[in-house]
Amino acid sequence: MLDHLTSYRALKDLLYPMFAGTWRLVAVGSPCRFLQEQGHRAEATTLHAAPQGAAMAVSTFRKLDGICWQVRHLFGDTGVPGRFLLQGARVPVRVVVAETDYQNFAILYLEKARKLSVKLYVRSLPVSDSALDVFEQRVREANLTEHQIFFFPKYGFCETADQFHILNGTAYNREHRALLNPYITLFELKNNSHFQVTNSMTRGKRCDIWSYTLIPTSKPGQFTVENKGSETDKEDIQVIETDYIKFSLVLSIRQTSSHTITRVSLLGRNWRIPRKMVDRFICLTRTQNLTKNNFVFPDVTGNGFLGSG
């Protein structure tokens, strides 16, 4: 497979205003092993594009645990029309609009870590045979096979997300303070050595509850998150340090098709965390190339929770 996206031509004289608007993700051609194993669990995905000069503001909408989320990205200008660089990604992600008729379909290339993916978007369903033919040709040109093509659901699309389920790119900054209220996490050990993890957080006047299962790996303290069909991604979790009584430091590395998300969590049995534990948390975040601007501490005053976490 060709590794360099520069080998593929961008659409000459891309008309940004005509490309703007809503697109539905239909299919992806990719060598991604995770897609091969978990592609059947993909969720319907909507992309909304809006020009910002020579750049493109992009929002992706899809469900996570049955809730619609919006993730905002900026396709940064590279000086070449139709070629973009995904801003905020820790690993460079290059994007090329390879072909589109603006009214029916668009084909995009994404390159990350020298691996190429080909994506087919349409304005509306059903997708035309001619668009599928063009997509399959592009997949073959990328030295991918029909067994590396994954089709996304054609129903259950998200059109919007409420204010509590909007994230800006891959970075969690202080501007997201309002999204992170105090929450309680319950770890329940099952007979098969799996942990059932349940989180409860107040958002506005409602209480959001989400859960997942941690599957132990061969290394002590390291787990993978069981994927139940919400997204085609992979998340590894490691308990870095704990005294079992007061605190735990947990590191999460989540890999998606376009970027890597790193999260460091400081968990406490109650709301009062000793300063030295906070210092260890800060030290761990720095080893992950995070800065103070990425720290978010929820306001626990008047949180309404009683007892230990």
C-alpha atoms as a PDB file:
ATOM      1  CA  MET A   1       0.000   0.000   0.000  1.00  0.00           C
ATOM      2  CA  LEU A   2       1.210   3.508  -0.757  1.00  0.00           C
ATOM      3  CA  ASP A   3       1.973   5.290   2.475  1.00  0.00           C
ATOM      4  CA  HIS A   4       2.310   8.882   1.366  1.00  0.00           C
ATOM      5  CA  LEU A   5      -0.873  10.842   0.851  1.00  0.00           C
ATOM      6  CA  THR A   6       1.074  13.173  -1.421  1.00  0.00           C
ATOM      7  CA  SER A   7       0.870  10.400  -4.012  1.00  0.00           C
ATOM      8  CA  TYR A   8      -2.874  11.055  -4.303  1.00  0.00           C
ATOM      9  CA  ARG A   9      -4.245  14.127  -6.000  1.00  0.00           C
ATOM     10  CA  ALA A  10      -6.667  16.438  -4.285  1.00  0.00           C
ATOM     11  CA  LEU A  11      -9.658  17.685  -6.229  1.00  0.00           C
ATOM     12  CA  LYS A  12      -8.433  20.569  -8.342  1.00  0.00           C
ATOM     13  CA  ASP A  13     -10.088  23.890  -7.512  1.00  0.00           C
ATOM     14  CA  LEU A  14     -12.251  22.529  -4.686  1.00  0.00           C
ATOM     15  CA  LEU A  15     -15.295  24.794  -4.311  1.00  0.00           C
ATOM     16  CA  TYR A  16     -15.536  25.178  -0.548  1.00  0.00           C
ATOM     17  CA  PRO A  17     -19.044  26.737  -0.377  1.00  0.00           C
ATOM     18  CA  MET A  18     -20.466  23.940  -2.540  1.00  0.00           C
ATOM     19  CA  PHE A  19     -18.746  21.270  -0.443  1.00  0.00           C
ATOM     20  CA  ALA A  20     -20.215  22.721   2.761  1.00  0.00           C
ATOM     21  CA  GLY A  21     -23.221  21.146   4.426  1.00  0.00           C
ATOM     22  CA  THR A  22     -24.234  17.710   5.647  1.00  0.00           C
ATOM     23  CA  TRP A  23     -22.731  14.395   4.533  1.00  0.00           C
ATOM     24  CA  ARG A  24     -23.522  10.811   5.588  1.00  0.00           C
ATOM     25  CA  LEU A  25     -20.676   8.330   5.997  1.00  0.00           C
ATOM     26  CA  VAL A  26     -21.494   5.245   3.914  1.00  0.00           C
ATOM     27  CA  ALA A  27     -18.312   3.179   3.732  1.00  0.00           C
ATOM     28  CA  VAL A  28     -14.636   3.115   4.675  1.00  0.00           C
ATOM     29  CA  GLY A  29     -11.785   1.268   2.997  1.00  0.00           C
ATOM     30  CA  SER A  30      -9.046   0.757   5.562  1.00  0.00           C
ATOM     31  CA  PRO A  31      -6.297  -1.669   6.637  1.00  0.00           C
ATOM     32  CA  CYS A  32      -7.221  -0.968  10.274  1.00  0.00           C
ATOM     33  CA  ARG A  33      -7.232  -4.267  12.137  1.00  0.00           C
ATOM     34  CA  PHE A  34      -9.726  -3.008  14.679  1.00  0.00           C
ATOM     35  CA  LEU A  35     -12.218  -2.199  11.927  1.00  0.00           C
ATOM     36  CA  GLN A  36     -11.780  -5.701  10.582  1.00  0.00           C
ATOM     37  CA  GLU A  37     -12.659  -7.147  13.975  1.00  0.00           C
ATOM     38  CA  GLN A  38     -15.249  -4.621  15.179  1.00  0.00           C
ATOM     39  CA  GLY A  39     -16.532  -2.940  12.010  1.00  0.00           C
ATOM     40  CA  HIS A  40     -19.939  -4.570  12.452  1.00  0.00           C
ATOM     41  CA  ARG A  41     -20.403  -2.442  15.582  1.00  0.00           C
ATOM     42  CA  ALA A  42     -20.039   0.898  13.810  1.00  0.00           C
ATOM     43  CA  GLU A  43     -22.616   3.629  14.422  1.00  0.00           C
ATOM     44  CA  ALA A  44     -24.293   5.820  11.804  1.00  0.00           C
ATOM     45  CA  THR A  45     -22.122   8.912  11.326  1.00  0.00           C
ATOM     46  CA  THR A  46     -22.959  12.387  10.043  1.00  0.00           C
ATOM     47  CA  LEU A  47     -20.396  15.009   9.026  1.00  0.00           C
ATOM     48  CA  HIS A  48     -21.152  18.715   8.731  1.00  0.00           C
ATOM     49  CA  ALA A  49     -18.616  20.925   6.944  1.00  0.00           C
ATOM     50  CA  ALA A  50     -18.396  24.731   7.015  1.00  0.00           C
ATOM     51  CA  PRO A  51     -15.652  26.735   5.244  1.00  0.00           C
ATOM     52  CA  GLN A  52     -13.439  29.022   7.316  1.00  0.00           C
ATOM     53  CA  GLY A  53     -11.337  30.779   4.728  1.00  0.00           C
ATOM     54  CA  ALA A  54      -8.974  28.173   3.296  1.00  0.00           C
ATOM     55  CA  ALA A  55      -9.694  25.866   6.255  1.00  0.00           C
ATOM     56  CA  MET A  56     -12.777  23.776   7.005  1.00  0.00           C
ATOM     57  CA  ALA A  57     -14.668  23.541  10.299  1.00  0.00           C
ATOM     58  CA  VAL A  58     -16.006  20.003  10.622  1.00  0.00           C
ATOM     59  CA  SER A  59     -18.436  18.496  13.121  1.00  0.00           C
ATOM     60  CA  THR A  60     -18.995  14.752  13.420  1.00  0.00           C
ATOM     61  CA  PHE A  61     -22.243  13.461  14.932  1.00  0.00           C
ATOM     62  CA  ARG A  62     -22.756   9.899  16.183  1.00  0.00           C
ATOM     63  CA  LYS A  63     -24.099   7.972  19.127  1.00  0.00           C
ATOM     64  CA  LEU A  64     -22.176   6.786  22.152  1.00  0.00           C
ATOM     65  CA  ASP A  65     -24.155   4.548  24.496  1.00  0.00           C
ATOM     66  CA  GLY A  66     -27.338   5.711  22.787  1.00  0.00           C
ATOM     67  CA  ILE A  67     -26.586   9.440  23.260  1.00  0.00           C
ATOM     68  CA  CYS A  68     -25.794  11.756  20.337  1.00  0.00           C
ATOM     69  CA  TRP A  69     -22.386  13.430  20.584  1.00  0.00           C
ATOM     70  CA  GLN A  70     -20.888  16.199  18.487  1.00  0.00           C
ATOM     71  CA  VAL A  71     -17.108  16.372  18.043  1.00  0.00           C
ATOM     72  CA  ARG A  72     -15.752  19.540  16.465  1.00  0.00           C
ATOM     73  CA  HIS A  73     -12.567  19.578  14.406  1.00  0.00           C
ATOM     74  CA  LEU A  74     -10.707  22.031  12.234  1.00  0.00           C
ATOM     75  CA  PHE A  75      -9.277  20.864   8.930  1.00  0.00           C
ATOM     76  CA  GLY A  76      -6.382  23.306   8.790  1.00  0.00           C
ATOM     77  CA  ASP A  77      -5.133  24.974   5.615  1.00  0.00           C
ATOM     78  CA  THR A  78      -2.002  23.443   4.051  1.00  0.00           C
ATOM     79  CA  GLY A  79      -1.675  25.948   1.223  1.00  0.00           C
ATOM     80  CA  VAL A  80      -2.984  23.412  -1.302  1.00  0.00           C
ATOM     81  CA  PRO A  81      -6.734  23.454  -2.084  1.00  0.00           C
ATOM     82  CA  GLY A  82      -8.428  20.231  -1.042  1.00  0.00           C
ATOM     83  CA  ARG A  83      -5.587  19.204   1.283  1.00  0.00           C
ATOM     84  CA  PHE A  84      -5.953  19.685   5.030  1.00  0.00           C
ATOM     85  CA  LEU A  85      -4.230  18.880   8.303  1.00  0.00           C
ATOM     86  CA  LEU A  86      -6.430  17.867  11.224  1.00  0.00           C
ATOM     87  CA  GLN A  87      -5.713  20.385  13.977  1.00  0.00           C
ATOM     88  CA  GLY A  88      -5.218  19.216  17.567  1.00  0.00           C
ATOM     89  CA  ALA A  89      -4.344  15.590  16.813  1.00  0.00           C
ATOM     90  CA  ARG A  90      -1.284  14.285  18.665  1.00  0.00           C
ATOM     91  CA  VAL A  91      -0.360  12.211  15.614  1.00  0.00           C
ATOM     92  CA  PRO A  92      -0.554  14.155  12.309  1.00  0.00           C
ATOM     93  CA  VAL A  93      -3.689  13.301  10.343  1.00  0.00           C
ATOM     94  CA  ARG A  94      -3.746  14.456   6.734  1.00  0.00           C
ATOM     95  CA  VAL A  95      -7.010  14.781   4.846  1.00  0.00           C
ATOM     96  CA  VAL A  96      -7.574  15.018   1.088  1.00  0.00           C
ATOM     97  CA  VAL A  97     -10.854  15.659  -0.704  1.00  0.00           C
ATOM     98  CA  ALA A  98     -10.148  13.410  -3.673  1.00  0.00           C
ATOM     99  CA  GLU A  99     -13.403  13.570  -5.607  1.00  0.00           C
ATOM    100  CA  THR A 100     -16.904  14.998  -5.302  1.00  0.00           C
ATOM    101  CA  ASP A 101     -19.790  16.149  -7.463  1.00  0.00           C
ATOM    102  CA  TYR A 102     -20.975  18.295  -4.504  1.00  0.00           C
ATOM    103  CA  GLN A 103     -24.608  17.195  -4.848  1.00  0.00           C
ATOM    104  CA  ASN A 104     -24.402  13.432  -4.359  1.00  0.00           C
ATOM    105  CA  PHE A 105     -21.098  12.013  -3.114  1.00  0.00           C
ATOM    106  CA  ALA A 106     -17.602  12.820  -1.858  1.00  0.00           C
ATOM    107  CA  ILE A 107     -14.507  10.668  -1.413  1.00  0.00           C
ATOM    108  CA  LEU A 108     -11.940  11.608   1.229  1.00  0.00           C
ATOM    109  CA  TYR A 109      -8.518  10.158   1.992  1.00  0.00           C
ATOM    110  CA  LEU A 110      -7.191  10.165   5.565  1.00  0.00           C
ATOM    111  CA  GLU A 111      -3.605   9.284   6.403  1.00  0.00           C
ATOM    112  CA  LYS A 112      -2.427   8.621   9.947  1.00  0.00           C
ATOM    113  CA  ALA A 113       0.837   6.942  10.957  1.00  0.00           C
ATOM    114  CA  ARG A 114       1.496   6.148   7.261  1.00  0.00           C
ATOM    115  CA  LYS A 115      -1.763   4.200   6.979  1.00  0.00           C
ATOM    116  CA  LEU A 116      -4.344   5.281   4.433  1.00  0.00           C
ATOM    117  CA  SER A 117      -8.137   5.135   4.688  1.00  0.00           C
ATOM    118  CA  VAL A 118     -10.653   5.911   1.937  1.00  0.00           C
ATOM    119  CA  LYS A 119     -14.079   7.245   2.975  1.00  0.00           C
ATOM    120  CA  LEU A 120     -17.290   7.552   0.975  1.00  0.00           C
ATOM    121  CA  TYR A 121     -19.817  10.219   2.001  1.00  0.00           C
ATOM    122  CA  VAL A 122     -23.190  10.954   0.405  1.00  0.00           C
ATOM    123  CA  ARG A 123     -25.693  13.768   0.713  1.00  0.00           C
ATOM    124  CA  SER A 124     -28.640  11.393   1.039  1.00  0.00           C
ATOM    125  CA  LEU A 125     -29.525   7.718   0.930  1.00  0.00           C
ATOM    126  CA  PRO A 126     -29.728   5.390  -0.885  1.00  0.00           C
ATOM    127  CA  VAL A 127     -26.242   5.692  -2.353  1.00  0.00           C
ATOM    128  CA  SER A 128     -26.056   5.511  -6.139  1.00  0.00           C
ATOM    129  CA  ASP A 129     -24.333   2.669  -7.978  1.00  0.00           C
ATOM    130  CA  SER A 130     -22.104   5.182  -9.760  1.00  0.00           C
ATOM    131  CA  ALA A 131     -20.822   6.574  -6.440  1.00  0.00           C
ATOM    132  CA  LEU A 132     -20.088   3.055  -5.188  1.00  0.00           C
ATOM    133  CA  ASP A 133     -18.224   2.277  -8.403  1.00  0.00           C
ATOM    134  CA  VAL A 134     -16.009   5.344  -7.997  1.00  0.00           C
ATOM    135  CA  PHE A 135     -15.375   4.494  -4.334  1.00  0.00           C
ATOM    136  CA  GLU A 136     -14.422   0.889  -5.106  1.00  0.00           C
ATOM    137  CA  GLN A 137     -12.047   2.092  -7.809  1.00  0.00           C
ATOM    138  CA  ARG A 138     -10.375   4.461  -5.334  1.00  0.00           C
ATOM    139  CA  VAL A 139     -10.067   1.629  -2.815  1.00  0.00           C
ATOM    140  CA  ARG A 140      -8.314  -0.561  -5.382  1.00  0.00           C
ATOM    141  CA  GLU A 141      -5.963   2.287  -6.301  1.00  0.00           C
ATOM    142  CA  ALA A 142      -4.978   2.448  -2.618  1.00  0.00           C
ATOM    143  CA  ASN A 143      -4.042  -1.252  -2.804  1.00  0.00           C
ATOM    144  CA  LEU A 144      -6.895  -2.194  -0.492  1.00  0.00           C
ATOM    145  CA  THR A 145      -9.176  -5.167  -1.097  1.00  0.00           C
ATOM    146  CA  GLU A 146     -12.936  -5.622  -0.932  1.00  0.00           C
ATOM    147  CA  HIS A 147     -12.415  -7.423   2.377  1.00  0.00           C
ATOM    148  CA  GLN A 148     -11.095  -4.142   3.786  1.00  0.00           C
ATOM    149  CA  ILE A 149     -14.279  -2.215   2.964  1.00  0.00           C
ATOM    150  CA  PHE A 150     -16.670  -1.594   5.861  1.00  0.00           C
ATOM    151  CA  PHE A 151     -20.200  -0.288   5.400  1.00  0.00           C
ATOM    152  CA  PHE A 152     -21.807   1.912   8.031  1.00  0.00           C
ATOM    153  CA  PRO A 153     -25.462   1.750   9.154  1.00  0.00           C
ATOM    154  CA  LYS A 154     -27.987   3.623   7.027  1.00  0.00           C
ATOM    155  CA  TYR A 155     -30.281   4.501   9.922  1.00  0.00           C
ATOM    156  CA  GLY A 156     -30.086   6.099  13.367  1.00  0.00           C
ATOM    157  CA  PHE A 157     -28.234   9.256  12.313  1.00  0.00           C
ATOM    158  CA  CYS A 158     -27.729  12.081  14.798  1.00  0.00           C
ATOM    159  CA  GLU A 159     -28.597  15.553  13.567  1.00  0.00           C
ATOM    160  CA  THR A 160     -27.755  17.545  16.697  1.00  0.00           C
ATOM    161  CA  ALA A 161     -26.309  17.157  20.195  1.00  0.00           C
ATOM    162  CA  ASP A 162     -27.241  19.060  23.329  1.00  0.00           C
ATOM    163  CA  GLN A 163     -24.821  21.418  25.076  1.00  0.00           C
ATOM    164  CA  PHE A 164     -23.667  18.685  27.459  1.00  0.00           C
ATOM    165  CA  HIS A 165     -22.467  16.399  24.655  1.00  0.00           C
ATOM    166  CA  ILE A 166     -20.247  18.646  22.541  1.00  0.00           C
ATOM    167  CA  LEU A 167     -16.468  18.294  22.474  1.00  0.00           C
ATOM    168  CA  ASN A 168     -13.928  20.409  20.641  1.00  0.00           C
ATOM    169  CA  GLY A 169     -11.415  18.239  18.825  1.00  0.00           C
ATOM    170  CA  THR A 170      -9.119  15.942  20.792  1.00  0.00           C
ATOM    171  CA  ALA A 171      -8.146  18.314  23.599  1.00  0.00           C
ATOM    172  CA  TYR A 172     -10.031  18.629  26.872  1.00  0.00           C
ATOM    173  CA  ASN A 173      -9.391  22.181  28.036  1.00  0.00           C
ATOM    174  CA  ARG A 174     -10.573  24.513  30.764  1.00  0.00           C
ATOM    175  CA  GLU A 175     -13.322  25.743  28.467  1.00  0.00           C
ATOM    176  CA  HIS A 176     -14.960  22.331  29.008  1.00  0.00           C
ATOM    177  CA  ARG A 177     -15.234  22.937  32.760  1.00  0.00           C
ATOM    178  CA  ALA A 178     -19.034  23.128  32.542  1.00  0.00           C
ATOM    179  CA  LEU A 179     -19.137  19.655  30.981  1.00  0.00           C
ATOM    180  CA  LEU A 180     -17.346  17.997  33.890  1.00  0.00           C
ATOM    181  CA  ASN A 181     -19.476  17.959  36.999  1.00  0.00           C
ATOM    182  CA  PRO A 182     -18.577  15.852  40.037  1.00  0.00           C
ATOM    183  CA  TYR A 183     -19.394  12.227  39.401  1.00  0.00           C
ATOM    184  CA  ILE A 184     -19.279   8.894  41.187  1.00  0.00           C
ATOM    185  CA  THR A 185     -17.655   5.796  39.707  1.00  0.00           C
ATOM    186  CA  LEU A 186     -18.558   2.343  40.988  1.00  0.00           C
ATOM    187  CA  PHE A 187     -16.257  -0.608  40.217  1.00  0.00           C
ATOM    188  CA  GLU A 188     -17.981  -3.973  40.616  1.00  0.00           C
ATOM    189  CA  LEU A 189     -15.818  -7.103  40.337  1.00  0.00           C
ATOM    190  CA  LYS A 190     -17.535  -9.946  38.483  1.00  0.00           C
ATOM    191  CA  ASN A 191     -16.896 -13.675  38.755  1.00  0.00           C
ATOM    192  CA  ASN A 192     -14.958 -13.689  35.474  1.00  0.00           C
ATOM    193  CA  SER A 193     -12.486 -11.099  36.850  1.00  0.00           C
ATOM    194  CA  HIS A 194     -14.070  -8.374  34.730  1.00  0.00           C
ATOM    195  CA  PHE A 195     -14.955  -5.021  36.281  1.00  0.00           C
ATOM    196  CA  GLN A 196     -18.373  -3.530  35.607  1.00  0.00           C
ATOM    197  CA  VAL A 197     -17.844   0.240  35.808  1.00  0.00           C
ATOM    198  CA  THR A 198     -20.837   2.529  36.344  1.00  0.00           C
ATOM    199  CA  ASN A 199     -20.574   6.335  36.329  1.00  0.00           C
ATOM    200  CA  SER A 200     -23.193   8.799  37.605  1.00  0.00           C
ATOM    201  CA  MET A 201     -22.994  12.532  36.866  1.00  0.00           C
ATOM    202  CA  THR A 202     -25.457  15.378  37.346  1.00  0.00           C
ATOM    203  CA  ARG A 203     -25.905  17.553  34.252  1.00  0.00           C
ATOM    204  CA  GLY A 204     -28.366  20.353  34.697  1.00  0.00           C
ATOM    205  CA  LYS A 205     -31.473  18.888  36.312  1.00  0.00           C
ATOM    206  CA  ARG A 206     -30.840  15.330  35.205  1.00  0.00           C
ATOM    207  CA  CYS A 207     -28.515  12.534  36.194  1.00  0.00           C
ATOM    208  CA  ASP A 208     -26.568  10.847  33.394  1.00  0.00           C
ATOM    209  CA  ILE A 209     -25.480   7.252  33.922  1.00  0.00           C
ATOM    210  CA  TRP A 210     -23.099   5.383  31.639  1.00  0.00           C
ATOM    211  CA  SER A 211     -21.308   2.096  32.093  1.00  0.00           C
ATOM    212  CA  TYR A 212     -18.751  -0.174  30.479  1.00  0.00           C
ATOM    213  CA  THR A 213     -16.814  -3.357  31.207  1.00  0.00           C
ATOM    214  CA  LEU A 214     -13.080  -3.593  31.868  1.00  0.00           C
ATOM    215  CA  ILE A 215     -11.478  -6.790  30.604  1.00  0.00           C
ATOM    216  CA  PRO A 216      -8.154  -7.673  32.270  1.00  0.00           C
ATOM    217  CA  THR A 217      -5.098  -8.246  30.098  1.00  0.00           C
ATOM    218  CA  SER A 218      -2.137 -10.486  30.826  1.00  0.00           C
ATOM    219  CA  LYS A 219      -0.444  -7.605  32.676  1.00  0.00           C
ATOM    220  CA  PRO A 220      -1.628  -6.760  36.217  1.00  0.00           C
ATOM    221  CA  GLY A 221      -3.524  -3.492  36.469  1.00  0.00           C
ATOM    222  CA  GLN A 222      -4.083  -3.189  32.730  1.00  0.00           C
ATOM    223  CA  PHE A 223      -7.453  -3.546  31.005  1.00  0.00           C
ATOM    224  CA  THR A 224      -9.218  -3.067  27.702  1.00  0.00           C
ATOM    225  CA  VAL A 225     -12.679  -1.553  27.471  1.00  0.00           C
ATOM    226  CA  GLU A 226     -15.278  -3.900  26.054  1.00  0.00           C
ATOM    227  CA  ASN A 227     -16.731  -2.372  22.903  1.00  0.00           C
ATOM    228  CA  LYS A 228     -20.496  -2.833  22.649  1.00  0.00           C
ATOM    229  CA  GLY A 229     -21.050  -1.223  19.302  1.00  0.00           C
ATOM    230  CA  SER A 230     -20.905   2.474  20.066  1.00  0.00           C
ATOM    231  CA  GLU A 231     -17.826   3.355  18.032  1.00  0.00           C
ATOM    232  CA  THR A 232     -15.127   1.668  16.039  1.00  0.00           C
ATOM    233  CA  ASP A 233     -12.307   2.501  18.408  1.00  0.00           C
ATOM    234  CA  LYS A 234     -10.162   0.864  21.066  1.00  0.00           C
ATOM    235  CA  GLU A 235      -9.438   1.977  24.623  1.00  0.00           C
ATOM    236  CA  ASP A 236      -6.770   0.677  27.003  1.00  0.00           C
ATOM    237  CA  ILE A 237      -6.856   1.532  30.703  1.00  0.00           C
ATOM    238  CA  GLN A 238      -4.072   1.162  33.252  1.00  0.00           C
ATOM    239  CA  VAL A 239      -4.174   1.667  37.014  1.00  0.00           C
ATOM    240  CA  ILE A 240      -0.907   3.532  37.522  1.00  0.00           C
ATOM    241  CA  GLU A 241      -1.040   3.882  41.311  1.00  0.00           C
ATOM    242  CA  THR A 242      -3.458   3.336  44.190  1.00  0.00           C
ATOM    243  CA  ASP A 243      -3.432   2.948  47.961  1.00  0.00           C
ATOM    244  CA  TYR A 244      -6.957   1.413  47.823  1.00  0.00           C
ATOM    245  CA  ILE A 245      -8.069   3.637  50.717  1.00  0.00           C
ATOM    246  CA  LYS A 246      -7.817   7.220  49.473  1.00  0.00           C
ATOM    247  CA  PHE A 247      -6.949   7.511  45.783  1.00  0.00           C
ATOM    248  CA  SER A 248      -6.222   5.923  42.418  1.00  0.00           C
ATOM    249  CA  LEU A 249      -4.411   7.259  39.365  1.00  0.00           C
ATOM    250  CA  VAL A 250      -5.781   5.861  36.108  1.00  0.00           C
ATOM    251  CA  LEU A 251      -4.421   6.317  32.580  1.00  0.00           C
ATOM    252  CA  SER A 252      -6.621   5.836  29.512  1.00  0.00           C
ATOM    253  CA  ILE A 253      -5.361   5.692  25.920  1.00  0.00           C
ATOM    254  CA  ARG A 254      -8.102   5.654  23.319  1.00  0.00           C
ATOM    255  CA  GLN A 255      -7.360   5.025  19.650  1.00  0.00           C
ATOM    256  CA  THR A 256      -9.853   6.076  16.988  1.00  0.00           C
ATOM    257  CA  SER A 257      -9.624   6.064  13.217  1.00  0.00           C
ATOM    258  CA  SER A 258      -8.306   9.635  13.177  1.00  0.00           C
ATOM    259  CA  HIS A 259      -6.605  10.418  16.476  1.00  0.00           C
ATOM    260  CA  THR A 260      -5.394   9.338  19.913  1.00  0.00           C
ATOM    261  CA  ILE A 261      -7.113  10.569  23.078  1.00  0.00           C
ATOM    262  CA  THR A 262      -5.182  10.501  26.356  1.00  0.00           C
ATOM    263  CA  ARG A 263      -6.999  10.870  29.667  1.00  0.00           C
ATOM    264  CA  VAL A 264      -5.515  10.869  33.170  1.00  0.00           C
ATOM    265  CA  SER A 265      -8.005  10.497  36.024  1.00  0.00           C
ATOM    266  CA  LEU A 266      -7.512  11.075  39.735  1.00  0.00           C
ATOM    267  CA  LEU A 267     -10.140   9.096  41.659  1.00  0.00           C
ATOM    268  CA  GLY A 268     -10.782   9.487  45.372  1.00  0.00           C
ATOM    269  CA  ARG A 269     -12.822   7.624  47.955  1.00  0.00           C
ATOM    270  CA  ASN A 270     -14.205  10.989  49.067  1.00  0.00           C
ATOM    271  CA  TRP A 271     -14.120  14.577  47.847  1.00  0.00           C
ATOM    272  CA  ARG A 272     -11.075  15.578  49.911  1.00  0.00           C
ATOM    273  CA  ILE A 273      -7.858  14.611  48.121  1.00  0.00           C
ATOM    274  CA  PRO A 274      -4.490  15.162  49.864  1.00  0.00           C
ATOM    275  CA  ARG A 275      -2.239  17.655  48.120  1.00  0.00           C
ATOM    276  CA  LYS A 276       0.493  15.084  47.530  1.00  0.00           C
ATOM    277  CA  MET A 277      -1.971  12.963  45.553  1.00  0.00           C
ATOM    278  CA  VAL A 278      -2.791  15.952  43.356  1.00  0.00           C
ATOM    279  CA  ASP A 279       0.947  16.488  42.830  1.00  0.00           C
ATOM    280  CA  ARG A 280       1.299  12.883  41.644  1.00  0.00           C
ATOM    281  CA  PHE A 281      -1.619  13.427  39.284  1.00  0.00           C
ATOM    282  CA  ILE A 282       0.066  16.514  37.806  1.00  0.00           C
ATOM    283  CA  CYS A 283       3.342  14.635  37.443  1.00  0.00           C
ATOM    284  CA  LEU A 284       1.636  11.818  35.535  1.00  0.00           C
ATOM    285  CA  THR A 285      -0.140  14.224  33.186  1.00  0.00           C
ATOM    286  CA  ARG A 286       3.176  15.838  32.297  1.00  0.00           C
ATOM    287  CA  THR A 287       4.632  12.475  31.305  1.00  0.00           C
ATOM    288  CA  GLN A 288       1.754  12.277  28.794  1.00  0.00           C
ATOM    289  CA  ASN A 289       2.651  15.680  27.283  1.00  0.00           C
ATOM    290  CA  LEU A 290      -0.401  17.359  28.797  1.00  0.00           C
ATOM    291  CA  THR A 291      -0.247  20.906  30.156  1.00  0.00           C
ATOM    292  CA  LYS A 292      -2.030  22.832  32.895  1.00  0.00           C
ATOM    293  CA  ASN A 293      -4.478  24.043  30.276  1.00  0.00           C
ATOM    294  CA  ASN A 294      -5.666  20.441  29.972  1.00  0.00           C
ATOM    295  CA  PHE A 295      -6.406  20.092  33.705  1.00  0.00           C
ATOM    296  CA  VAL A 296     -10.062  20.213  34.684  1.00  0.00           C
ATOM    297  CA  PHE A 297     -11.080  19.949  38.345  1.00  0.00           C
ATOM    298  CA  PRO A 298     -14.848  19.788  38.935  1.00  0.00           C
ATOM    299  CA  ASP A 299     -16.365  22.086  41.529  1.00  0.00           C
ATOM    300  CA  VAL A 300     -17.455  19.764  44.337  1.00  0.00           C
ATOM    301  CA  THR A 301     -19.117  22.481  46.423  1.00  0.00           C
ATOM    302  CA  GLY A 302     -22.814  21.827  46.669  1.00  0.00           C
ATOM    303  CA  ASN A 303     -22.450  18.632  44.641  1.00  0.00           C
ATOM    304  CA  GLY A 304     -25.301  16.906  46.425  1.00  0.00           C
ATOM    305  CA  PHE A 305     -23.459  13.606  46.777  1.00  0.00           C
ATOM    306  CA  LEU A 306     -23.185  11.974  50.165  1.00  0.00           C
ATOM    307  CA  GLY A 307     -20.800   9.276  51.281  1.00  0.00           C
ATOM    308  CA  SER A 308     -17.705   7.983  49.552  1.00  0.00           C
ATOM    309  CA  GLY A 309     -17.096   7.736  45.831  1.00  0.00           C
END
